[in-house]
C-alpha atoms as a PDB file:
ATOM      1  CA  MET A   1      58.577 -67.910 111.037  1.00  0.00           C
ATOM      2  CA  LEU A   2      56.400 -68.038 114.115  1.00  0.00           C
ATOM      3  CA  GLU A   3      52.800 -69.195 114.296  1.00  0.00           C
ATOM      4  CA  TYR A   4      49.996 -66.851 115.282  1.00  0.00           C
ATOM      5  CA  LEU A   5      46.316 -67.223 116.119  1.00  0.00           C
ATOM      6  CA  ALA A   6      43.969 -64.462 115.071  1.00  0.00           C
ATOM      7  CA  GLU A   7      40.781 -64.391 117.153  1.00  0.00           C
ATOM      8  CA  ARG A   8      37.524 -62.835 116.102  1.00  0.00           C
ATOM      9  CA  TYR A   9      33.973 -62.858 117.445  1.00  0.00           C
ATOM     10  CA  GLU A  10      31.121 -62.176 115.071  1.00  0.00           C
ATOM     11  CA  PRO A  11      27.630 -62.628 116.524  1.00  0.00           C
ATOM     12  CA  GLY A  12      25.227 -64.104 113.978  1.00  0.00           C
ATOM     13  CA  VAL A  13      27.929 -65.083 111.497  1.00  0.00           C
ATOM     14  CA  THR A  14      27.379 -68.186 109.381  1.00  0.00           C
ATOM     15  CA  GLY A  15      29.738 -70.872 108.192  1.00  0.00           C
ATOM     16  CA  ASP A  16      29.363 -69.552 104.640  1.00  0.00           C
ATOM     17  CA  GLN A  17      30.473 -66.097 105.782  1.00  0.00           C
ATOM     18  CA  ILE A  18      33.481 -67.575 107.590  1.00  0.00           C
ATOM     19  CA  GLU A  19      34.386 -69.510 104.456  1.00  0.00           C
ATOM     20  CA  ALA A  20      34.199 -66.300 102.385  1.00  0.00           C
ATOM     21  CA  GLU A  21      36.424 -64.546 104.923  1.00  0.00           C
ATOM     22  CA  ALA A  22      38.960 -67.385 104.674  1.00  0.00           C
ATOM     23  CA  VAL A  23      39.047 -66.965 100.896  1.00  0.00           C
ATOM     24  CA  ARG A  24      39.677 -63.224 101.319  1.00  0.00           C
ATOM     25  CA  LEU A  25      42.398 -63.851 103.918  1.00  0.00           C
ATOM     26  CA  ALA A  26      44.136 -66.315 101.591  1.00  0.00           C
ATOM     27  CA  ALA A  27      44.029 -63.746  98.771  1.00  0.00           C
ATOM     28  CA  ALA A  28      45.415 -61.020 101.052  1.00  0.00           C
ATOM     29  CA  VAL A  29      48.252 -63.303 102.131  1.00  0.00           C
ATOM     30  CA  ARG A  30      49.068 -64.131  98.494  1.00  0.00           C
ATOM     31  CA  LYS A  31      49.274 -60.382  97.777  1.00  0.00           C
ATOM     32  CA  LEU A  32      51.560 -59.792 100.760  1.00  0.00           C
ATOM     33  CA  ARG A  33      53.782 -62.703  99.708  1.00  0.00           C
ATOM     34  CA  THR A  34      54.150 -61.299  96.185  1.00  0.00           C
ATOM     35  CA  GLU A  35      55.325 -58.088  97.843  1.00  0.00           C
ATOM     36  CA  GLY A  36      58.014 -60.087  99.659  1.00  0.00           C
ATOM     37  CA  HIS A  37      56.402 -60.398 103.082  1.00  0.00           C
ATOM     38  CA  PRO A  38      56.928 -63.719 104.908  1.00  0.00           C
ATOM     39  CA  ILE A  39      53.411 -64.878 105.793  1.00  0.00           C
ATOM     40  CA  GLU A  40      51.310 -67.989 105.231  1.00  0.00           C
ATOM     41  CA  PHE A  41      47.611 -68.574 105.919  1.00  0.00           C
ATOM     42  CA  LEU A  42      47.235 -71.986 107.602  1.00  0.00           C
ATOM     43  CA  GLY A  43      43.438 -72.087 107.847  1.00  0.00           C
ATOM     44  CA  SER A  44      40.554 -71.229 110.168  1.00  0.00           C
ATOM     45  CA  THR A  45      38.431 -72.985 112.760  1.00  0.00           C
ATOM     46  CA  PHE A  46      34.874 -71.759 113.330  1.00  0.00           C
ATOM     47  CA  VAL A  47      33.188 -72.420 116.692  1.00  0.00           C
ATOM     48  CA  PRO A  48      29.498 -71.668 116.019  1.00  0.00           C
ATOM     49  CA  GLY A  49      28.396 -72.063 119.652  1.00  0.00           C
ATOM     50  CA  ASP A  50      30.797 -69.285 120.674  1.00  0.00           C
ATOM     51  CA  GLU A  51      30.412 -67.246 117.466  1.00  0.00           C
ATOM     52  CA  ALA A  52      34.207 -67.327 117.354  1.00  0.00           C
ATOM     53  CA  THR A  53      36.756 -67.989 114.659  1.00  0.00           C
ATOM     54  CA  LEU A  54      40.443 -68.771 115.144  1.00  0.00           C
ATOM     55  CA  SER A  55      42.673 -68.361 112.113  1.00  0.00           C
ATOM     56  CA  ARG A  56      46.226 -69.691 112.012  1.00  0.00           C
ATOM     57  CA  PHE A  57      49.150 -68.022 110.300  1.00  0.00           C
ATOM     58  CA  ALA A  58      52.873 -68.502 109.951  1.00  0.00           C
ATOM     59  CA  SER A  59      54.412 -65.052 109.855  1.00  0.00           C
ATOM     60  CA  SER A  60      57.350 -62.929 110.830  1.00  0.00           C
ATOM     61  CA  SER A  61      55.134 -60.735 113.048  1.00  0.00           C
ATOM     62  CA  ALA A  62      51.692 -60.241 114.553  1.00  0.00           C
ATOM     63  CA  GLU A  63      51.512 -56.897 112.766  1.00  0.00           C
ATOM     64  CA  LEU A  64      51.750 -58.635 109.398  1.00  0.00           C
ATOM     65  CA  VAL A  65      48.808 -60.884 110.365  1.00  0.00           C
ATOM     66  CA  GLU A  66      46.817 -57.762 111.289  1.00  0.00           C
ATOM     67  CA  THR A  67      47.733 -56.242 107.916  1.00  0.00           C
ATOM     68  CA  ALA A  68      46.373 -59.330 106.137  1.00  0.00           C
ATOM     69  CA  HIS A  69      43.086 -58.904 107.996  1.00  0.00           C
ATOM     70  CA  ARG A  70      42.862 -55.237 107.019  1.00  0.00           C
ATOM     71  CA  LEU A  71      43.544 -56.054 103.357  1.00  0.00           C
ATOM     72  CA  ALA A  72      40.884 -58.782 103.461  1.00  0.00           C
ATOM     73  CA  SER A  73      38.349 -56.577 105.289  1.00  0.00           C
ATOM     74  CA  VAL A  74      38.074 -59.243 107.989  1.00  0.00           C
ATOM     75  CA  PRO A  75      37.716 -58.085 111.596  1.00  0.00           C
ATOM     76  CA  VAL A  76      40.186 -59.321 114.195  1.00  0.00           C
ATOM     77  CA  GLU A  77      40.000 -58.994 117.989  1.00  0.00           C
ATOM     78  CA  ARG A  78      43.559 -59.967 118.763  1.00  0.00           C
ATOM     79  CA  VAL A  79      46.583 -61.752 117.342  1.00  0.00           C
ATOM     80  CA  VAL A  80      48.721 -63.897 119.634  1.00  0.00           C
ATOM     81  CA  GLU A  81      51.753 -66.097 119.152  1.00  0.00           C
ATOM     82  CA  ALA A  82      50.853 -69.796 119.174  1.00  0.00           C
ATOM     83  CA  LEU A  83      52.512 -73.182 119.151  1.00  0.00           C
ATOM     84  CA  SER A  84      51.063 -76.116 117.210  1.00  0.00           C
ATOM     85  CA  LEU A  85      51.582 -79.503 118.780  1.00  0.00           C
ATOM     86  CA  PRO A  86      52.915 -82.029 118.228  1.00  0.00           C
ATOM     87  CA  ARG A  87      55.903 -80.255 116.744  1.00  0.00           C
ATOM     88  CA  LYS A  88      57.343 -81.662 113.547  1.00  0.00           C
ATOM     89  CA  PRO A  89      61.055 -82.487 113.443  1.00  0.00           C
ATOM     90  CA  ALA A  90      63.125 -79.736 111.811  1.00  0.00           C
ATOM     91  CA  GLY A  91      63.497 -81.717 108.575  1.00  0.00           C
ATOM     92  CA  GLN A  92      59.714 -82.005 108.215  1.00  0.00           C
ATOM     93  CA  ARG A  93      58.761 -78.399 108.894  1.00  0.00           C
ATOM     94  CA  ARG A  94      57.095 -76.489 106.107  1.00  0.00           C
ATOM     95  CA  GLU A  95      59.480 -74.121 104.386  1.00  0.00           C
ATOM     96  CA  THR A  96      58.163 -70.793 103.089  1.00  0.00           C
END
């Protein structure tokens, strides 16, 4: 699976709201996984000064990440492929 960053900008949003969105995203991903879709929610980073949130996913496609956002009723501006560094050796990578 590839990694993706989902970017969203929500003026006036609070940390509590971002936390609630993360809970909904995790639930949406669990639902998609039970349906056989290869996706994992890796967490979110909130940047209050920019009113921006970046959420990380491991997934087979950007479209699947967008689907998770729709299911969770969480807005998303764009989804882009990403690379987390440092890379883990193949034997230490998370298997899903």
